[in-house]
Amino acid sequence: MRNPIGKPNANAILTKFLNTTTLGLDLLLQVGIIGHDEIRKYYDTSATRFPGLEVTVVSDFADGDVGAVEWDAILIDAEGTRYPLQGVNLITLRDGKFQEVRAYFDTSHLPKG
């Protein structure tokens, strides 16, 4: 079942990250961002481009402080156009928060912006 979470809330998301978290994004763009300020900017920019978001966790695995999540998502732009996206996040935790997240997904079919 899809989880419609609406517009991502950067403040809520950041509570899950250490201030020094490394967030590696997008297999094609190979974007790497570090820390709350850069992560907030990424999520705010994404929420402006795609104010709607639905996520389904397909599978997950955890072993101590490392894990992986396979997900399907639907990004929804301001006009209501829906863009499917699939990916995998590899996660390392420290003190119960994300220390590193490497997200692998292909955005080549998304509108440029």
Protein backbone atom coordinates (compact mmCIF):
# COMPACT_ATOMS: atom_id res chain seq x y z
CA MET A 1 0.00 0.00 0.00
CA ARG A 2 1.28 3.47 -0.89
CA ASN A 3 1.88 5.94 1.89
CA PRO A 4 0.82 9.42 0.72
CA ILE A 5 3.01 11.69 2.84
CA GLY A 6 2.31 14.92 1.00
CA LYS A 7 4.92 17.64 0.95
CA PRO A 8 8.17 16.55 2.62
CA ASN A 9 8.84 18.44 5.84
CA ALA A 10 12.57 19.20 6.10
CA ASN A 11 12.37 19.96 9.84
CA ALA A 12 10.81 16.57 10.57
CA ILE A 13 13.25 14.79 8.26
CA LEU A 14 16.28 16.43 9.85
CA THR A 15 15.41 15.00 13.28
CA LYS A 16 16.50 11.63 11.87
CA PHE A 17 19.95 12.89 10.75
CA LEU A 18 23.12 13.70 12.67
CA ASN A 19 24.35 17.24 11.97
CA THR A 20 27.35 15.70 10.17
CA THR A 21 25.40 13.15 8.10
CA THR A 22 26.60 12.43 4.59
CA LEU A 23 23.75 12.01 2.12
CA GLY A 24 24.78 10.52 -1.24
CA LEU A 25 22.10 10.90 -3.87
CA ASP A 26 21.21 9.83 -7.39
CA LEU A 27 23.22 7.20 -9.18
CA LEU A 28 23.50 9.37 -12.31
CA LEU A 29 24.17 12.77 -10.77
CA GLN A 30 26.41 11.40 -8.01
CA VAL A 31 25.43 14.21 -5.66
CA GLY A 32 26.90 14.18 -2.17
CA ILE A 33 25.75 16.58 0.52
CA ILE A 34 26.83 16.87 4.14
CA GLY A 35 25.13 18.31 7.20
CA HIS A 36 21.73 19.70 8.13
CA ASP A 37 21.95 22.90 6.07
CA GLU A 38 22.70 21.11 2.79
CA ILE A 39 20.20 18.32 3.50
CA ARG A 40 17.49 20.91 4.30
CA LYS A 41 18.22 22.73 1.02
CA TYR A 42 17.95 19.45 -0.92
CA TYR A 43 14.59 18.51 0.64
CA ASP A 44 13.18 22.05 0.32
CA THR A 45 14.16 22.18 -3.37
CA SER A 46 12.67 18.74 -3.96
CA ALA A 47 9.42 19.69 -2.17
CA THR A 48 9.10 22.81 -4.32
CA ARG A 49 9.51 20.81 -7.56
CA PHE A 50 7.33 17.93 -6.35
CA PRO A 51 4.92 19.04 -3.63
CA GLY A 52 3.30 15.58 -3.50
CA LEU A 53 5.02 12.35 -2.55
CA GLU A 54 3.86 8.76 -2.06
CA VAL A 55 6.25 6.08 -0.81
CA THR A 56 6.01 2.31 -0.51
CA VAL A 57 8.71 0.31 1.26
CA VAL A 58 9.19 -2.79 -0.87
CA SER A 59 11.69 -4.50 1.43
CA ASP A 60 14.16 -3.67 4.15
CA PHE A 61 17.03 -5.27 5.98
CA ALA A 62 18.92 -4.28 9.12
CA ASP A 63 21.93 -5.71 10.91
CA GLY A 64 23.00 -3.63 13.89
CA ASP A 65 23.79 -0.11 12.70
CA VAL A 66 23.62 -0.84 8.97
CA GLY A 67 20.67 -1.51 6.73
CA ALA A 68 19.04 -1.18 3.35
CA VAL A 69 15.59 -0.09 2.18
CA GLU A 70 14.16 -0.78 -1.28
CA TRP A 71 11.37 1.67 -2.12
CA ASP A 72 8.92 2.74 -4.79
CA ALA A 73 7.81 6.35 -4.86
CA ILE A 74 5.55 8.63 -6.83
CA LEU A 75 6.68 12.25 -7.13
CA ILE A 76 3.78 14.60 -7.92
CA ASP A 77 4.41 18.03 -9.45
CA ALA A 78 2.27 21.15 -8.94
CA GLU A 79 0.13 20.27 -12.00
CA GLY A 80 -0.62 16.82 -10.58
CA THR A 81 1.61 14.89 -13.00
CA ARG A 82 2.86 11.72 -11.35
CA TYR A 83 6.43 10.45 -11.83
CA PRO A 84 7.31 6.93 -10.63
CA LEU A 85 10.70 6.45 -9.03
CA GLN A 86 12.31 3.32 -7.59
CA GLY A 87 15.43 3.06 -5.53
CA VAL A 88 17.47 1.62 -2.71
CA ASN A 89 18.92 3.43 0.31
CA LEU A 90 21.96 2.01 2.11
CA ILE A 91 21.99 3.36 5.66
CA THR A 92 24.50 3.59 8.51
CA LEU A 93 23.25 4.66 11.94
CA ARG A 94 25.04 6.21 14.91
CA ASP A 95 23.24 6.86 18.19
CA GLY A 96 19.95 5.93 16.51
CA LYS A 97 20.23 8.56 13.75
CA PHE A 98 21.41 8.48 10.16
CA GLN A 99 25.18 8.89 9.94
CA GLU A 100 25.31 8.09 6.24
CA VAL A 101 22.63 7.46 3.62
CA ARG A 102 23.49 6.42 0.09
CA ALA A 103 20.41 6.61 -2.10
CA TYR A 104 20.53 4.91 -5.49
CA PHE A 105 17.88 5.90 -8.04
CA ASP A 106 17.61 7.06 -11.64
CA THR A 107 16.14 10.52 -12.27
CA SER A 108 16.85 10.63 -16.01
CA HIS A 109 13.10 10.45 -16.81
CA LEU A 110 12.16 13.36 -14.52
CA PRO A 111 11.64 16.86 -15.95
CA LYS A 112 14.72 19.06 -15.77
CA GLY A 113 14.46 21.86 -13.27
